[in-house]
Amino acid sequence: MVLGQSNFKVVEKVKGSSEAMYIFGIGGHDRNGMIEEARAEMLENADLVGSSKAVINETVEVKHSFFPFVRKYDVIVSAYIVEFSN
């Protein structure tokens, strides 16, 4: 399995998400916890166990909304799945 050769193909894009809401600064996970939660969901959706697939080009997006006394964070982790051939 070498990415420098043409022995793989991109088969799909997967993603996972997490959100947290803070009221008066209280509530939700911290940023790293939200990223890990979204990453775990993405990897579960990728179904990599027992296959010749790998995750590449992982991207983390953090969106933030603010209302009086309330903040909302949305984290989306996405990546492409490649499958290797012999």
N, C-alpha and C. Protein backbone atom coordinates (compact mmCIF):
# COMPACT_ATOMS: atom_id res chain seq x y z
N MET A 1 0.84 -1.18 0.00
CA MET A 1 0.00 0.00 0.00
C MET A 1 0.88 1.25 0.00
N VAL A 2 1.02 1.84 -1.15
CA VAL A 2 1.83 3.03 -1.30
C VAL A 2 1.01 4.08 -2.03
N LEU A 3 0.91 5.27 -1.47
CA LEU A 3 0.12 6.32 -2.12
C LEU A 3 0.81 6.91 -3.34
N GLY A 4 2.08 6.63 -3.54
CA GLY A 4 2.80 7.13 -4.69
C GLY A 4 2.48 6.35 -5.97
N GLN A 5 1.81 5.23 -5.85
CA GLN A 5 1.45 4.41 -7.00
C GLN A 5 -0.04 4.53 -7.26
N SER A 6 -0.47 4.06 -8.41
CA SER A 6 -1.90 4.09 -8.75
C SER A 6 -2.58 2.80 -8.31
N ASN A 7 -2.41 2.44 -7.06
CA ASN A 7 -2.99 1.20 -6.56
C ASN A 7 -4.16 1.44 -5.60
N PHE A 8 -4.84 2.56 -5.77
CA PHE A 8 -5.98 2.87 -4.91
C PHE A 8 -6.98 3.71 -5.67
N LYS A 9 -8.21 3.75 -5.13
CA LYS A 9 -9.22 4.64 -5.71
C LYS A 9 -10.02 5.25 -4.55
N VAL A 10 -10.49 6.45 -4.76
CA VAL A 10 -11.34 7.13 -3.78
C VAL A 10 -12.74 6.55 -3.93
N VAL A 11 -13.29 6.03 -2.83
CA VAL A 11 -14.59 5.36 -2.93
C VAL A 11 -15.74 6.17 -2.34
N GLU A 12 -15.47 7.02 -1.34
CA GLU A 12 -16.56 7.80 -0.77
C GLU A 12 -16.03 8.89 0.14
N LYS A 13 -16.92 9.80 0.51
CA LYS A 13 -16.62 10.84 1.50
C LYS A 13 -17.49 10.55 2.72
N VAL A 14 -16.90 10.58 3.90
CA VAL A 14 -17.64 10.33 5.13
C VAL A 14 -17.53 11.53 6.05
N LYS A 15 -18.50 11.66 6.96
CA LYS A 15 -18.44 12.76 7.91
C LYS A 15 -19.09 12.37 9.21
N GLY A 16 -18.74 13.12 10.23
CA GLY A 16 -19.34 12.98 11.55
C GLY A 16 -19.50 14.37 12.13
N SER A 17 -20.42 14.51 13.07
CA SER A 17 -20.66 15.85 13.62
C SER A 17 -20.90 15.78 15.12
N SER A 18 -20.74 16.93 15.74
CA SER A 18 -20.99 17.09 17.16
C SER A 18 -21.44 18.52 17.39
N GLU A 19 -22.27 18.73 18.38
CA GLU A 19 -22.70 20.09 18.69
C GLU A 19 -22.79 20.28 20.19
N ALA A 20 -22.63 21.52 20.60
CA ALA A 20 -22.73 21.86 22.02
C ALA A 20 -23.35 23.24 22.15
N MET A 21 -24.13 23.41 23.20
CA MET A 21 -24.75 24.70 23.48
C MET A 21 -24.34 25.14 24.88
N TYR A 22 -23.99 26.39 25.00
CA TYR A 22 -23.58 26.97 26.27
C TYR A 22 -24.55 28.09 26.63
N ILE A 23 -25.11 28.00 27.82
CA ILE A 23 -25.99 29.05 28.33
C ILE A 23 -25.28 29.71 29.49
N PHE A 24 -25.05 31.00 29.38
CA PHE A 24 -24.25 31.75 30.36
C PHE A 24 -22.89 31.11 30.57
N GLY A 25 -22.32 30.51 29.50
CA GLY A 25 -20.98 29.93 29.56
C GLY A 25 -20.93 28.53 30.15
N ILE A 26 -22.07 27.92 30.45
CA ILE A 26 -22.10 26.61 31.08
C ILE A 26 -22.75 25.61 30.13
N GLY A 27 -22.11 24.42 30.02
CA GLY A 27 -22.69 23.33 29.25
C GLY A 27 -21.80 22.84 28.15
N GLY A 28 -22.12 21.67 27.63
CA GLY A 28 -21.43 21.12 26.46
C GLY A 28 -20.03 20.63 26.72
N HIS A 29 -19.44 20.04 25.68
CA HIS A 29 -18.06 19.56 25.71
C HIS A 29 -17.11 20.71 25.40
N ASP A 30 -15.83 20.51 25.71
CA ASP A 30 -14.84 21.46 25.24
C ASP A 30 -14.57 21.17 23.75
N ARG A 31 -13.81 22.04 23.11
CA ARG A 31 -13.58 21.94 21.66
C ARG A 31 -12.94 20.61 21.27
N ASN A 32 -11.91 20.19 22.00
CA ASN A 32 -11.24 18.93 21.66
C ASN A 32 -12.17 17.73 21.83
N GLY A 33 -13.02 17.75 22.85
CA GLY A 33 -13.98 16.68 23.05
C GLY A 33 -14.98 16.60 21.91
N MET A 34 -15.41 17.77 21.42
CA MET A 34 -16.35 17.79 20.30
C MET A 34 -15.70 17.25 19.04
N ILE A 35 -14.45 17.60 18.81
CA ILE A 35 -13.74 17.10 17.62
C ILE A 35 -13.59 15.59 17.70
N GLU A 36 -13.22 15.07 18.88
CA GLU A 36 -13.06 13.63 19.02
C GLU A 36 -14.39 12.89 18.85
N GLU A 37 -15.47 13.47 19.35
CA GLU A 37 -16.79 12.86 19.18
C GLU A 37 -17.19 12.81 17.70
N ALA A 38 -16.95 13.91 17.00
CA ALA A 38 -17.27 13.95 15.56
C ALA A 38 -16.37 13.00 14.78
N ARG A 39 -15.09 12.91 15.16
CA ARG A 39 -14.15 12.01 14.48
C ARG A 39 -14.56 10.55 14.70
N ALA A 40 -14.98 10.21 15.91
CA ALA A 40 -15.41 8.84 16.20
C ALA A 40 -16.64 8.47 15.36
N GLU A 41 -17.58 9.40 15.22
CA GLU A 41 -18.76 9.14 14.39
C GLU A 41 -18.36 8.96 12.93
N MET A 42 -17.42 9.79 12.46
CA MET A 42 -16.97 9.68 11.08
C MET A 42 -16.31 8.32 10.83
N LEU A 43 -15.45 7.88 11.74
CA LEU A 43 -14.77 6.60 11.56
C LEU A 43 -15.75 5.44 11.64
N GLU A 44 -16.76 5.55 12.46
CA GLU A 44 -17.80 4.52 12.52
C GLU A 44 -18.54 4.44 11.18
N ASN A 45 -18.82 5.59 10.59
CA ASN A 45 -19.49 5.63 9.29
C ASN A 45 -18.59 5.11 8.17
N ALA A 46 -17.27 5.18 8.36
CA ALA A 46 -16.32 4.75 7.33
C ALA A 46 -16.25 3.24 7.18
N ASP A 47 -16.57 2.48 8.23
CA ASP A 47 -16.57 1.02 8.18
C ASP A 47 -15.25 0.48 7.62
N LEU A 48 -14.16 0.76 8.33
CA LEU A 48 -12.83 0.38 7.87
C LEU A 48 -12.38 -1.00 8.32
N VAL A 49 -13.00 -1.56 9.34
CA VAL A 49 -12.53 -2.81 9.93
C VAL A 49 -12.61 -3.96 8.93
N GLY A 50 -11.48 -4.66 8.79
CA GLY A 50 -11.43 -5.83 7.93
C GLY A 50 -11.36 -5.53 6.45
N SER A 51 -11.01 -4.31 6.08
CA SER A 51 -10.94 -3.96 4.66
C SER A 51 -9.60 -3.32 4.35
N SER A 52 -9.35 -3.11 3.08
CA SER A 52 -8.10 -2.46 2.66
C SER A 52 -8.39 -0.99 2.35
N LYS A 53 -9.07 -0.33 3.28
CA LYS A 53 -9.43 1.08 3.11
C LYS A 53 -8.68 1.94 4.11
N ALA A 54 -8.55 3.23 3.77
CA ALA A 54 -7.89 4.18 4.66
C ALA A 54 -8.58 5.54 4.56
N VAL A 55 -8.44 6.33 5.60
CA VAL A 55 -9.00 7.68 5.64
C VAL A 55 -7.92 8.66 5.22
N ILE A 56 -8.25 9.57 4.30
CA ILE A 56 -7.29 10.59 3.88
C ILE A 56 -7.96 11.96 3.88
N ASN A 57 -7.15 12.99 3.90
CA ASN A 57 -7.60 14.39 3.78
C ASN A 57 -8.70 14.75 4.78
N GLU A 58 -8.43 14.50 6.04
CA GLU A 58 -9.40 14.83 7.09
C GLU A 58 -9.50 16.34 7.26
N THR A 59 -10.72 16.84 7.35
CA THR A 59 -10.99 18.27 7.52
C THR A 59 -11.87 18.47 8.74
N VAL A 60 -11.54 19.48 9.55
CA VAL A 60 -12.34 19.82 10.73
C VAL A 60 -12.90 21.22 10.53
N GLU A 61 -14.23 21.34 10.61
CA GLU A 61 -14.90 22.64 10.52
C GLU A 61 -15.58 22.93 11.85
N VAL A 62 -15.39 24.15 12.34
CA VAL A 62 -16.05 24.58 13.57
C VAL A 62 -16.91 25.80 13.24
N LYS A 63 -18.19 25.68 13.52
CA LYS A 63 -19.12 26.79 13.27
C LYS A 63 -19.62 27.29 14.61
N HIS A 64 -19.76 28.58 14.71
CA HIS A 64 -20.11 29.21 15.97
C HIS A 64 -21.27 30.17 15.77
N SER A 65 -22.29 30.04 16.61
CA SER A 65 -23.43 30.97 16.58
C SER A 65 -23.54 31.61 17.96
N PHE A 66 -23.88 32.87 17.99
CA PHE A 66 -24.00 33.57 19.26
C PHE A 66 -25.33 34.30 19.32
N PHE A 67 -26.05 34.05 20.36
CA PHE A 67 -27.29 34.75 20.67
C PHE A 67 -27.12 35.33 22.07
N PRO A 68 -27.91 36.28 22.49
CA PRO A 68 -27.75 36.80 23.85
C PRO A 68 -27.79 35.67 24.88
N PHE A 69 -26.72 35.54 25.62
CA PHE A 69 -26.57 34.57 26.72
C PHE A 69 -26.40 33.13 26.26
N VAL A 70 -26.44 32.87 24.96
CA VAL A 70 -26.35 31.49 24.45
C VAL A 70 -25.33 31.44 23.32
N ARG A 71 -24.46 30.43 23.36
CA ARG A 71 -23.52 30.16 22.27
C ARG A 71 -23.73 28.73 21.82
N LYS A 72 -23.65 28.52 20.52
CA LYS A 72 -23.79 27.18 19.96
C LYS A 72 -22.60 26.90 19.06
N TYR A 73 -22.00 25.73 19.24
CA TYR A 73 -20.88 25.30 18.42
C TYR A 73 -21.27 24.03 17.69
N ASP A 74 -20.95 23.97 16.40
CA ASP A 74 -21.13 22.78 15.59
C ASP A 74 -19.77 22.40 15.03
N VAL A 75 -19.39 21.14 15.18
CA VAL A 75 -18.12 20.64 14.65
C VAL A 75 -18.45 19.54 13.65
N ILE A 76 -17.85 19.64 12.46
CA ILE A 76 -18.02 18.63 11.42
C ILE A 76 -16.63 18.15 11.02
N VAL A 77 -16.42 16.84 11.10
CA VAL A 77 -15.16 16.23 10.66
C VAL A 77 -15.49 15.40 9.43
N SER A 78 -14.79 15.64 8.34
CA SER A 78 -15.03 14.88 7.11
C SER A 78 -13.71 14.40 6.52
N ALA A 79 -13.79 13.37 5.71
CA ALA A 79 -12.60 12.81 5.07
C ALA A 79 -13.03 11.96 3.88
N TYR A 80 -12.06 11.62 3.07
CA TYR A 80 -12.30 10.71 1.95
C TYR A 80 -11.79 9.33 2.32
N ILE A 81 -12.45 8.31 1.80
CA ILE A 81 -12.03 6.92 2.00
C ILE A 81 -11.43 6.44 0.70
N VAL A 82 -10.22 5.88 0.80
CA VAL A 82 -9.59 5.27 -0.36
C VAL A 82 -9.54 3.77 -0.14
N GLU A 83 -9.66 3.03 -1.22
CA GLU A 83 -9.55 1.57 -1.15
C GLU A 83 -8.37 1.13 -1.99
N PHE A 84 -7.52 0.30 -1.40
CA PHE A 84 -6.32 -0.16 -2.07
C PHE A 84 -6.58 -1.45 -2.83
N SER A 85 -5.95 -1.56 -3.99
CA SER A 85 -6.02 -2.81 -4.78
C SER A 85 -4.65 -3.46 -4.76
N ASN A 86 -4.60 -4.70 -5.16
CA ASN A 86 -3.30 -5.43 -5.16
C ASN A 86 -2.48 -5.09 -6.33
